[in-house]
Amino acid sequence: MKTFRQALQGDRFTLTAEFSEGGPHPAGQSPSQIIELSEALSGLVDGIVVAQDHHLSATAMANLLIRNGTDPVVKLNCRDRNRIALESDLLGLRALGVSSLVLDEQGDAIDDTEATAKPVFDVSAPELTAMAQAINEEAWSDGHHEFLVGSSATVQNLVSDRDKVPLLMRSAEGSRFLQTRLCLDVGLLRTFMQKLVEMKLLWNYSVLVTLAPLPSAEAARWLLANRLGAVIPESLICKLESASDATREGIELCAELLKEVAIIPGVSGVNLLSLGDPGPVKEVIEISGLKAALSPT
């Protein structure tokens, strides 16, 4: 099975896909949606990103993908698990053969079904990364695979040390790639990447930028309100509002963004959000012409 880790550590552009609820009434990730996404994008992406979700565990979804011949990149956060549960998740993922993780402080905004639940935060993101690295040391000694550990990051203008320090710390803690949160502002992304170059972080980090084909202005505003750190320019939302076919407009805009992002110095790949239907993500990849970049040389 071709893995995300192999692609990212190689010399070609990396593509992943991730299912995300894209409307005002999210239903959560279902096994059928994850498998549909995997099958629709087979041969087009290097992995499927699986987020921690209250409807189905990330471990269960990772198992489904592996059984379906797709490499899962599992996102874990500190909000919904205590230390024992997170360690159990990590050990379970290693036992399944999961090779890549994205570790974060907290997940996206909670929905109404979680509003009465108490956030845990028993460990911090640095502590969670340290837990994964401890398991890596054990894996090295007993001959098992190690996790490739990544972190989430919000695309922003890194003007102060307060903005820069967390990125430097994550690198020192053992993170080897950054997956940005949703960002459809290419100008801001260029500034962000230039700062990473100046900080010499790209010596240690590979960077994957998260994009999405937006089906409507309503979906864009929902993502801004509910997806942590999302950046969507108002000008793009206006284009969706004025388009005669918003879904088609969203696909074409995302394909153009994908081509622009692919040539920004330091960007190693893109993570594409599928807002329920994998069809638009597939079209974005095909229109962009980056499918050939994923073909074996």
C-alpha atoms as a PDB file:
ATOM      1  CA  MET A   1       0.000   0.000   0.000  1.00  0.00           C
ATOM      2  CA  LYS A   2       1.358   3.424  -0.983  1.00  0.00           C
ATOM      3  CA  THR A   3       1.638   5.576   2.131  1.00  0.00           C
ATOM      4  CA  PHE A   4       1.385   9.268   2.900  1.00  0.00           C
ATOM      5  CA  ARG A   5       4.712   9.018   4.698  1.00  0.00           C
ATOM      6  CA  GLN A   6       6.487   7.703   1.603  1.00  0.00           C
ATOM      7  CA  ALA A   7       4.977  10.444  -0.545  1.00  0.00           C
ATOM      8  CA  LEU A   8       5.841  13.251   1.867  1.00  0.00           C
ATOM      9  CA  GLN A   9       9.413  12.052   2.289  1.00  0.00           C
ATOM     10  CA  GLY A  10       9.811  11.718  -1.470  1.00  0.00           C
ATOM     11  CA  ASP A  11      10.382  14.491  -3.984  1.00  0.00           C
ATOM     12  CA  ARG A  12       6.914  14.881  -5.515  1.00  0.00           C
ATOM     13  CA  PHE A  13       3.877  16.933  -4.558  1.00  0.00           C
ATOM     14  CA  THR A  14       1.702  15.215  -1.944  1.00  0.00           C
ATOM     15  CA  LEU A  15      -2.096  15.195  -1.932  1.00  0.00           C
ATOM     16  CA  THR A  16      -4.449  14.061   0.823  1.00  0.00           C
ATOM     17  CA  ALA A  17      -8.199  14.352   1.307  1.00  0.00           C
ATOM     18  CA  GLU A  18     -10.290  14.794   4.428  1.00  0.00           C
ATOM     19  CA  PHE A  19     -14.016  14.497   5.065  1.00  0.00           C
ATOM     20  CA  SER A  20     -15.513  17.543   6.756  1.00  0.00           C
ATOM     21  CA  GLU A  21     -19.068  18.460   7.606  1.00  0.00           C
ATOM     22  CA  GLY A  22     -19.795  21.413   5.329  1.00  0.00           C
ATOM     23  CA  GLY A  23     -23.160  22.799   6.330  1.00  0.00           C
ATOM     24  CA  PRO A  24     -25.114  24.310   9.188  1.00  0.00           C
ATOM     25  CA  HIS A  25     -26.442  20.891  10.303  1.00  0.00           C
ATOM     26  CA  PRO A  26     -23.402  18.584  10.580  1.00  0.00           C
ATOM     27  CA  ALA A  27     -24.075  14.873  10.820  1.00  0.00           C
ATOM     28  CA  GLY A  28     -20.590  13.629  11.654  1.00  0.00           C
ATOM     29  CA  GLN A  29     -18.376  11.233   9.756  1.00  0.00           C
ATOM     30  CA  SER A  30     -19.895   7.881   8.888  1.00  0.00           C
ATOM     31  CA  PRO A  31     -18.100   4.698   7.796  1.00  0.00           C
ATOM     32  CA  SER A  32     -19.846   4.783   4.428  1.00  0.00           C
ATOM     33  CA  GLN A  33     -18.743   8.384   3.785  1.00  0.00           C
ATOM     34  CA  ILE A  34     -15.128   7.631   4.663  1.00  0.00           C
ATOM     35  CA  ILE A  35     -15.057   4.546   2.428  1.00  0.00           C
ATOM     36  CA  GLU A  36     -16.807   6.436  -0.401  1.00  0.00           C
ATOM     37  CA  LEU A  37     -14.172   9.160  -0.174  1.00  0.00           C
ATOM     38  CA  SER A  38     -11.390   6.561  -0.213  1.00  0.00           C
ATOM     39  CA  GLU A  39     -12.767   4.699  -3.225  1.00  0.00           C
ATOM     40  CA  ALA A  40     -13.597   7.836  -5.225  1.00  0.00           C
ATOM     41  CA  LEU A  41     -10.082   9.206  -4.778  1.00  0.00           C
ATOM     42  CA  SER A  42      -8.155   5.959  -5.148  1.00  0.00           C
ATOM     43  CA  GLY A  43      -5.013   6.653  -7.169  1.00  0.00           C
ATOM     44  CA  LEU A  44      -5.434  10.417  -6.836  1.00  0.00           C
ATOM     45  CA  VAL A  45      -4.344  11.024  -3.234  1.00  0.00           C
ATOM     46  CA  ASP A  46      -1.600   9.687  -0.979  1.00  0.00           C
ATOM     47  CA  GLY A  47      -3.791   9.302   2.092  1.00  0.00           C
ATOM     48  CA  ILE A  48      -7.104  10.096   3.741  1.00  0.00           C
ATOM     49  CA  VAL A  49      -7.049  12.329   6.813  1.00  0.00           C
ATOM     50  CA  VAL A  50      -9.210  10.989   9.634  1.00  0.00           C
ATOM     51  CA  ALA A  51     -10.249  13.413  12.363  1.00  0.00           C
ATOM     52  CA  GLN A  52     -11.260  12.579  15.926  1.00  0.00           C
ATOM     53  CA  ASP A  53     -15.063  12.501  15.913  1.00  0.00           C
ATOM     54  CA  HIS A  54     -17.705  11.847  18.542  1.00  0.00           C
ATOM     55  CA  HIS A  55     -19.748   9.626  16.202  1.00  0.00           C
ATOM     56  CA  LEU A  56     -17.029   7.079  15.378  1.00  0.00           C
ATOM     57  CA  SER A  57     -13.545   6.656  16.795  1.00  0.00           C
ATOM     58  CA  ALA A  58     -10.509   7.614  14.723  1.00  0.00           C
ATOM     59  CA  THR A  59      -9.078   4.146  15.379  1.00  0.00           C
ATOM     60  CA  ALA A  60     -12.156   2.475  13.915  1.00  0.00           C
ATOM     61  CA  MET A  61     -12.104   4.716  10.846  1.00  0.00           C
ATOM     62  CA  ALA A  62      -8.385   4.128  10.351  1.00  0.00           C
ATOM     63  CA  ASN A  63      -9.010   0.387  10.449  1.00  0.00           C
ATOM     64  CA  LEU A  64     -11.730   0.727   7.801  1.00  0.00           C
ATOM     65  CA  LEU A  65      -9.385   2.632   5.503  1.00  0.00           C
ATOM     66  CA  ILE A  66      -6.474   0.217   5.930  1.00  0.00           C
ATOM     67  CA  ARG A  67      -8.791  -2.716   5.146  1.00  0.00           C
ATOM     68  CA  ASN A  68      -9.858  -0.775   2.046  1.00  0.00           C
ATOM     69  CA  GLY A  69      -6.259  -0.316   0.884  1.00  0.00           C
ATOM     70  CA  THR A  70      -5.934   3.364   1.819  1.00  0.00           C
ATOM     71  CA  ASP A  71      -3.356   4.930   4.127  1.00  0.00           C
ATOM     72  CA  PRO A  72      -4.983   6.918   6.973  1.00  0.00           C
ATOM     73  CA  VAL A  73      -3.448  10.066   8.445  1.00  0.00           C
ATOM     74  CA  VAL A  74      -5.045  10.281  11.889  1.00  0.00           C
ATOM     75  CA  LYS A  75      -5.723  13.592  13.659  1.00  0.00           C
ATOM     76  CA  LEU A  76      -5.868  13.446  17.461  1.00  0.00           C
ATOM     77  CA  ASN A  77      -6.517  16.351  19.806  1.00  0.00           C
ATOM     78  CA  CYS A  78      -6.348  16.851  23.556  1.00  0.00           C
ATOM     79  CA  ARG A  79      -9.906  18.045  24.067  1.00  0.00           C
ATOM     80  CA  ASP A  80     -11.898  14.828  24.295  1.00  0.00           C
ATOM     81  CA  ARG A  81      -9.557  12.290  25.895  1.00  0.00           C
ATOM     82  CA  ASN A  82      -7.640  12.011  29.137  1.00  0.00           C
ATOM     83  CA  ARG A  83      -4.035  10.823  29.254  1.00  0.00           C
ATOM     84  CA  ILE A  84      -4.906   7.120  29.553  1.00  0.00           C
ATOM     85  CA  ALA A  85      -7.399   7.245  26.680  1.00  0.00           C
ATOM     86  CA  LEU A  86      -4.967   9.110  24.402  1.00  0.00           C
ATOM     87  CA  GLU A  87      -2.191   6.635  25.151  1.00  0.00           C
ATOM     88  CA  SER A  88      -4.612   3.810  24.376  1.00  0.00           C
ATOM     89  CA  ASP A  89      -5.514   5.509  21.072  1.00  0.00           C
ATOM     90  CA  LEU A  90      -1.845   5.851  20.126  1.00  0.00           C
ATOM     91  CA  LEU A  91      -1.028   2.237  20.962  1.00  0.00           C
ATOM     92  CA  GLY A  92      -4.114   1.036  19.102  1.00  0.00           C
ATOM     93  CA  LEU A  93      -3.190   3.064  16.017  1.00  0.00           C
ATOM     94  CA  ARG A  94       0.340   1.682  16.047  1.00  0.00           C
ATOM     95  CA  ALA A  95      -1.025  -1.868  16.344  1.00  0.00           C
ATOM     96  CA  LEU A  96      -3.216  -1.244  13.289  1.00  0.00           C
ATOM     97  CA  GLY A  97      -0.234  -0.062  11.259  1.00  0.00           C
ATOM     98  CA  VAL A  98      -1.072   3.643  11.140  1.00  0.00           C
ATOM     99  CA  SER A  99       2.157   5.460  10.273  1.00  0.00           C
ATOM    100  CA  SER A 100       1.217   9.166  10.306  1.00  0.00           C
ATOM    101  CA  LEU A 101      -0.403  11.416  12.908  1.00  0.00           C
ATOM    102  CA  VAL A 102      -1.490  15.049  13.191  1.00  0.00           C
ATOM    103  CA  LEU A 103      -1.523  16.074  16.857  1.00  0.00           C
ATOM    104  CA  ASP A 104      -3.268  19.227  18.030  1.00  0.00           C
ATOM    105  CA  GLU A 105      -4.334  21.058  21.194  1.00  0.00           C
ATOM    106  CA  GLN A 106      -8.033  21.094  20.334  1.00  0.00           C
ATOM    107  CA  GLY A 107     -10.409  20.073  17.574  1.00  0.00           C
ATOM    108  CA  ASP A 108     -12.924  22.181  15.700  1.00  0.00           C
ATOM    109  CA  ALA A 109     -15.817  23.935  17.407  1.00  0.00           C
ATOM    110  CA  ILE A 110     -18.226  21.569  19.144  1.00  0.00           C
ATOM    111  CA  ASP A 111     -21.762  21.121  17.854  1.00  0.00           C
ATOM    112  CA  ASP A 112     -25.011  20.992  19.805  1.00  0.00           C
ATOM    113  CA  THR A 113     -24.696  17.269  20.584  1.00  0.00           C
ATOM    114  CA  GLU A 114     -21.448  17.951  22.476  1.00  0.00           C
ATOM    115  CA  ALA A 115     -22.482  21.167  24.193  1.00  0.00           C
ATOM    116  CA  THR A 116     -23.176  19.448  27.521  1.00  0.00           C
ATOM    117  CA  ALA A 117     -19.918  17.453  27.501  1.00  0.00           C
ATOM    118  CA  LYS A 118     -17.031  18.648  29.653  1.00  0.00           C
ATOM    119  CA  PRO A 119     -13.755  19.266  27.769  1.00  0.00           C
ATOM    120  CA  VAL A 120     -10.940  17.195  29.235  1.00  0.00           C
ATOM    121  CA  PHE A 121      -7.543  18.726  28.339  1.00  0.00           C
ATOM    122  CA  ASP A 122      -5.680  16.356  30.638  1.00  0.00           C
ATOM    123  CA  VAL A 123      -2.582  16.772  28.445  1.00  0.00           C
ATOM    124  CA  SER A 124      -1.265  19.564  26.242  1.00  0.00           C
ATOM    125  CA  ALA A 125      -0.230  19.246  22.596  1.00  0.00           C
ATOM    126  CA  PRO A 126       3.488  19.122  23.556  1.00  0.00           C
ATOM    127  CA  GLU A 127       2.734  16.355  26.059  1.00  0.00           C
ATOM    128  CA  LEU A 128       0.733  14.433  23.436  1.00  0.00           C
ATOM    129  CA  THR A 129       3.644  14.753  21.004  1.00  0.00           C
ATOM    130  CA  ALA A 130       5.992  13.500  23.738  1.00  0.00           C
ATOM    131  CA  MET A 131       3.702  10.490  24.277  1.00  0.00           C
ATOM    132  CA  ALA A 132       3.878   9.660  20.561  1.00  0.00           C
ATOM    133  CA  GLN A 133       7.668  10.042  20.580  1.00  0.00           C
ATOM    134  CA  ALA A 134       7.946   7.742  23.612  1.00  0.00           C
ATOM    135  CA  ILE A 135       5.996   5.116  21.679  1.00  0.00           C
ATOM    136  CA  ASN A 136       8.359   5.724  18.744  1.00  0.00           C
ATOM    137  CA  GLU A 137      11.363   4.976  20.941  1.00  0.00           C
ATOM    138  CA  GLU A 138       9.730   1.757  22.076  1.00  0.00           C
ATOM    139  CA  ALA A 139       8.860   0.905  18.464  1.00  0.00           C
ATOM    140  CA  TRP A 140      12.480   1.389  17.419  1.00  0.00           C
ATOM    141  CA  SER A 141      13.679  -1.016  20.091  1.00  0.00           C
ATOM    142  CA  ASP A 142      11.167  -3.765  19.323  1.00  0.00           C
ATOM    143  CA  GLY A 143      11.315  -3.530  15.527  1.00  0.00           C
ATOM    144  CA  HIS A 144       7.901  -1.935  14.923  1.00  0.00           C
ATOM    145  CA  HIS A 145       7.272   1.108  12.732  1.00  0.00           C
ATOM    146  CA  GLU A 146       7.496   4.655  14.072  1.00  0.00           C
ATOM    147  CA  PHE A 147       4.871   7.357  13.726  1.00  0.00           C
ATOM    148  CA  LEU A 148       5.557  10.297  11.449  1.00  0.00           C
ATOM    149  CA  VAL A 149       4.254  13.050  13.725  1.00  0.00           C
ATOM    150  CA  GLY A 150       2.751  16.277  12.416  1.00  0.00           C
ATOM    151  CA  SER A 151       1.019  19.320  13.878  1.00  0.00           C
ATOM    152  CA  SER A 152      -1.803  21.644  12.881  1.00  0.00           C
ATOM    153  CA  ALA A 153      -1.132  25.336  12.294  1.00  0.00           C
ATOM    154  CA  THR A 154      -3.290  28.351  11.488  1.00  0.00           C
ATOM    155  CA  VAL A 155      -2.090  30.397   8.514  1.00  0.00           C
ATOM    156  CA  GLN A 156      -1.443  33.906   9.839  1.00  0.00           C
ATOM    157  CA  ASN A 157       0.947  36.805   9.620  1.00  0.00           C
ATOM    158  CA  LEU A 158       3.700  35.728  12.018  1.00  0.00           C
ATOM    159  CA  VAL A 159       4.652  39.153  13.328  1.00  0.00           C
ATOM    160  CA  SER A 160       5.443  38.446  16.991  1.00  0.00           C
ATOM    161  CA  ASP A 161       7.441  35.912  18.961  1.00  0.00           C
ATOM    162  CA  ARG A 162       4.160  34.787  20.528  1.00  0.00           C
ATOM    163  CA  ASP A 163       3.060  33.632  17.053  1.00  0.00           C
ATOM    164  CA  LYS A 164       6.386  32.026  16.178  1.00  0.00           C
ATOM    165  CA  VAL A 165       7.329  30.213  19.387  1.00  0.00           C
ATOM    166  CA  PRO A 166       4.695  27.426  19.149  1.00  0.00           C
ATOM    167  CA  LEU A 167       5.941  26.482  15.669  1.00  0.00           C
ATOM    168  CA  LEU A 168       9.546  26.393  16.868  1.00  0.00           C
ATOM    169  CA  MET A 169       8.569  24.335  19.914  1.00  0.00           C
ATOM    170  CA  ARG A 170       6.641  21.765  17.875  1.00  0.00           C
ATOM    171  CA  SER A 171       9.678  21.222  15.685  1.00  0.00           C
ATOM    172  CA  ALA A 172      11.894  20.743  18.755  1.00  0.00           C
ATOM    173  CA  GLU A 173       9.337  18.323  20.223  1.00  0.00           C
ATOM    174  CA  GLY A 174       9.480  16.073  17.165  1.00  0.00           C
ATOM    175  CA  SER A 175       6.839  17.241  14.699  1.00  0.00           C
ATOM    176  CA  ARG A 176       8.045  16.702  11.150  1.00  0.00           C
ATOM    177  CA  PHE A 177       5.240  18.225   9.126  1.00  0.00           C
ATOM    178  CA  LEU A 178       2.659  20.963   9.448  1.00  0.00           C
ATOM    179  CA  GLN A 179      -0.871  20.588   8.143  1.00  0.00           C
ATOM    180  CA  THR A 180      -2.354  24.056   7.952  1.00  0.00           C
ATOM    181  CA  ARG A 181      -5.937  24.720   8.862  1.00  0.00           C
ATOM    182  CA  LEU A 182      -8.235  25.719   6.020  1.00  0.00           C
ATOM    183  CA  CYS A 183      -6.777  28.699   4.136  1.00  0.00           C
ATOM    184  CA  LEU A 184      -8.094  30.023   0.817  1.00  0.00           C
ATOM    185  CA  ASP A 185      -6.127  33.287   0.987  1.00  0.00           C
ATOM    186  CA  VAL A 186      -3.066  32.796  -1.248  1.00  0.00           C
ATOM    187  CA  GLY A 187      -1.561  36.182  -0.380  1.00  0.00           C
ATOM    188  CA  LEU A 188      -1.617  35.433   3.338  1.00  0.00           C
ATOM    189  CA  LEU A 189      -0.262  31.944   2.671  1.00  0.00           C
ATOM    190  CA  ARG A 190       2.707  33.334   0.723  1.00  0.00           C
ATOM    191  CA  THR A 191       3.528  35.655   3.635  1.00  0.00           C
ATOM    192  CA  PHE A 192       3.208  32.773   6.104  1.00  0.00           C
ATOM    193  CA  MET A 193       5.502  30.526   4.074  1.00  0.00           C
ATOM    194  CA  GLN A 194       8.091  33.283   3.690  1.00  0.00           C
ATOM    195  CA  LYS A 195       8.178  33.650   7.469  1.00  0.00           C
ATOM    196  CA  LEU A 196       8.714  29.897   7.843  1.00  0.00           C
ATOM    197  CA  VAL A 197      11.648  30.183   5.424  1.00  0.00           C
ATOM    198  CA  GLU A 198      13.121  33.087   7.423  1.00  0.00           C
ATOM    199  CA  MET A 199      12.724  31.081  10.650  1.00  0.00           C
ATOM    200  CA  LYS A 200      14.532  28.149   8.954  1.00  0.00           C
ATOM    201  CA  LEU A 201      11.637  25.900   9.970  1.00  0.00           C
ATOM    202  CA  LEU A 202      11.437  24.285   6.549  1.00  0.00           C
ATOM    203  CA  TRP A 203      14.671  22.497   7.360  1.00  0.00           C
ATOM    204  CA  ASN A 204      12.603  20.386   9.742  1.00  0.00           C
ATOM    205  CA  TYR A 205       9.023  20.715   8.509  1.00  0.00           C
ATOM    206  CA  SER A 206       7.153  19.672   5.402  1.00  0.00           C
ATOM    207  CA  VAL A 207       4.047  21.846   4.928  1.00  0.00           C
ATOM    208  CA  LEU A 208       0.651  20.721   3.665  1.00  0.00           C
ATOM    209  CA  VAL A 209      -1.919  23.438   2.985  1.00  0.00           C
ATOM    210  CA  THR A 210      -5.624  22.716   3.506  1.00  0.00           C
ATOM    211  CA  LEU A 211      -7.992  23.849   0.738  1.00  0.00           C
ATOM    212  CA  ALA A 212     -11.638  23.074  -0.041  1.00  0.00           C
ATOM    213  CA  PRO A 213     -14.008  23.267  -3.025  1.00  0.00           C
ATOM    214  CA  LEU A 214     -16.804  25.311  -1.460  1.00  0.00           C
ATOM    215  CA  PRO A 215     -20.300  24.411  -2.748  1.00  0.00           C
ATOM    216  CA  SER A 216     -21.951  27.632  -1.574  1.00  0.00           C
ATOM    217  CA  ALA A 217     -21.500  30.874   0.333  1.00  0.00           C
ATOM    218  CA  GLU A 218     -23.516  29.305   3.159  1.00  0.00           C
ATOM    219  CA  ALA A 219     -20.989  26.457   3.449  1.00  0.00           C
ATOM    220  CA  ALA A 220     -18.139  28.982   3.468  1.00  0.00           C
ATOM    221  CA  ARG A 221     -19.671  30.923   6.337  1.00  0.00           C
ATOM    222  CA  TRP A 222     -20.417  27.715   8.242  1.00  0.00           C
ATOM    223  CA  LEU A 223     -16.754  26.704   7.954  1.00  0.00           C
ATOM    224  CA  LEU A 224     -15.614  30.129   9.154  1.00  0.00           C
ATOM    225  CA  ALA A 225     -17.853  29.778  12.203  1.00  0.00           C
ATOM    226  CA  ASN A 226     -17.165  26.121  12.985  1.00  0.00           C
ATOM    227  CA  ARG A 227     -13.732  25.138  11.680  1.00  0.00           C
ATOM    228  CA  LEU A 228     -10.926  26.302  13.925  1.00  0.00           C
ATOM    229  CA  GLY A 229      -8.560  28.800  12.268  1.00  0.00           C
ATOM    230  CA  ALA A 230     -10.326  28.793   8.891  1.00  0.00           C
ATOM    231  CA  VAL A 231      -9.372  31.650   6.538  1.00  0.00           C
ATOM    232  CA  ILE A 232     -11.769  32.382   3.645  1.00  0.00           C
ATOM    233  CA  PRO A 233     -11.605  35.827   1.984  1.00  0.00           C
ATOM    234  CA  GLU A 234     -14.898  37.717   1.725  1.00  0.00           C
ATOM    235  CA  SER A 235     -14.154  38.274  -1.978  1.00  0.00           C
ATOM    236  CA  LEU A 236     -14.280  34.521  -2.562  1.00  0.00           C
ATOM    237  CA  ILE A 237     -17.597  34.237  -0.705  1.00  0.00           C
ATOM    238  CA  CYS A 238     -19.008  37.037  -2.887  1.00  0.00           C
ATOM    239  CA  LYS A 239     -17.995  35.116  -6.029  1.00  0.00           C
ATOM    240  CA  LEU A 240     -19.933  32.095  -4.771  1.00  0.00           C
ATOM    241  CA  GLU A 241     -22.964  34.249  -3.983  1.00  0.00           C
ATOM    242  CA  SER A 242     -23.036  35.809  -7.443  1.00  0.00           C
ATOM    243  CA  ALA A 243     -22.303  32.625  -9.411  1.00  0.00           C
ATOM    244  CA  SER A 244     -25.125  31.015 -11.399  1.00  0.00           C
ATOM    245  CA  ASP A 245     -23.726  27.602 -10.382  1.00  0.00           C
ATOM    246  CA  ALA A 246     -21.998  27.979  -7.006  1.00  0.00           C
ATOM    247  CA  THR A 247     -20.817  24.358  -6.877  1.00  0.00           C
ATOM    248  CA  ARG A 248     -19.076  24.644 -10.260  1.00  0.00           C
ATOM    249  CA  GLU A 249     -17.606  28.014  -9.258  1.00  0.00           C
ATOM    250  CA  GLY A 250     -16.271  26.518  -6.027  1.00  0.00           C
ATOM    251  CA  ILE A 251     -14.595  23.650  -7.872  1.00  0.00           C
ATOM    252  CA  GLU A 252     -12.928  25.929 -10.416  1.00  0.00           C
ATOM    253  CA  LEU A 253     -11.795  28.413  -7.779  1.00  0.00           C
ATOM    254  CA  CYS A 254     -10.267  25.599  -5.703  1.00  0.00           C
ATOM    255  CA  ALA A 255      -8.487  24.118  -8.744  1.00  0.00           C
ATOM    256  CA  GLU A 256      -6.925  27.505  -9.485  1.00  0.00           C
ATOM    257  CA  LEU A 257      -5.901  27.880  -5.837  1.00  0.00           C
ATOM    258  CA  LEU A 258      -4.381  24.406  -5.895  1.00  0.00           C
ATOM    259  CA  LYS A 259      -2.221  25.311  -8.905  1.00  0.00           C
ATOM    260  CA  GLU A 260      -1.108  28.558  -7.229  1.00  0.00           C
ATOM    261  CA  VAL A 261      -0.350  26.906  -3.892  1.00  0.00           C
ATOM    262  CA  ALA A 262       1.637  24.095  -5.549  1.00  0.00           C
ATOM    263  CA  ILE A 263       4.302  26.545  -6.766  1.00  0.00           C
ATOM    264  CA  ILE A 264       4.727  28.482  -3.501  1.00  0.00           C
ATOM    265  CA  PRO A 265       8.276  27.785  -2.240  1.00  0.00           C
ATOM    266  CA  GLY A 266       8.247  25.422   0.719  1.00  0.00           C
ATOM    267  CA  VAL A 267       4.794  23.907   0.173  1.00  0.00           C
ATOM    268  CA  SER A 268       5.084  20.107   0.018  1.00  0.00           C
ATOM    269  CA  GLY A 269       1.447  19.248  -0.614  1.00  0.00           C
ATOM    270  CA  VAL A 270      -2.232  20.013  -0.173  1.00  0.00           C
ATOM    271  CA  ASN A 271      -4.989  18.514   1.951  1.00  0.00           C
ATOM    272  CA  LEU A 272      -8.407  18.848   0.271  1.00  0.00           C
ATOM    273  CA  LEU A 273     -11.563  18.925   2.366  1.00  0.00           C
ATOM    274  CA  SER A 274     -14.489  16.965   1.002  1.00  0.00           C
ATOM    275  CA  LEU A 275     -17.708  18.589   2.217  1.00  0.00           C
ATOM    276  CA  GLY A 276     -19.838  15.450   2.082  1.00  0.00           C
ATOM    277  CA  ASP A 277     -19.490  14.571  -1.610  1.00  0.00           C
ATOM    278  CA  PRO A 278     -16.055  13.393  -2.852  1.00  0.00           C
ATOM    279  CA  GLY A 279     -16.905  14.311  -6.459  1.00  0.00           C
ATOM    280  CA  PRO A 280     -15.799  17.973  -6.238  1.00  0.00           C
ATOM    281  CA  VAL A 281     -12.432  17.009  -4.711  1.00  0.00           C
ATOM    282  CA  LYS A 282     -11.828  14.561  -7.543  1.00  0.00           C
ATOM    283  CA  GLU A 283     -12.693  17.235 -10.100  1.00  0.00           C
ATOM    284  CA  VAL A 284     -10.383  19.758  -8.440  1.00  0.00           C
ATOM    285  CA  ILE A 285      -7.432  17.371  -8.731  1.00  0.00           C
ATOM    286  CA  GLU A 286      -8.230  16.506 -12.348  1.00  0.00           C
ATOM    287  CA  ILE A 287      -8.757  20.143 -13.432  1.00  0.00           C
ATOM    288  CA  SER A 288      -5.558  21.263 -11.688  1.00  0.00           C
ATOM    289  CA  GLY A 289      -3.463  18.792 -13.672  1.00  0.00           C
ATOM    290  CA  LEU A 290      -1.663  17.606 -10.537  1.00  0.00           C
ATOM    291  CA  LYS A 291      -2.851  14.032 -11.021  1.00  0.00           C
ATOM    292  CA  ALA A 292       0.264  13.394 -13.086  1.00  0.00           C
ATOM    293  CA  ALA A 293       2.393  14.422 -10.107  1.00  0.00           C
ATOM    294  CA  LEU A 294       1.047  11.422  -8.210  1.00  0.00           C
ATOM    295  CA  SER A 295       1.793   8.934 -10.977  1.00  0.00           C
ATOM    296  CA  PRO A 296       4.850   6.723 -10.494  1.00  0.00           C
ATOM    297  CA  THR A 297       7.901   7.903 -12.413  1.00  0.00           C
END
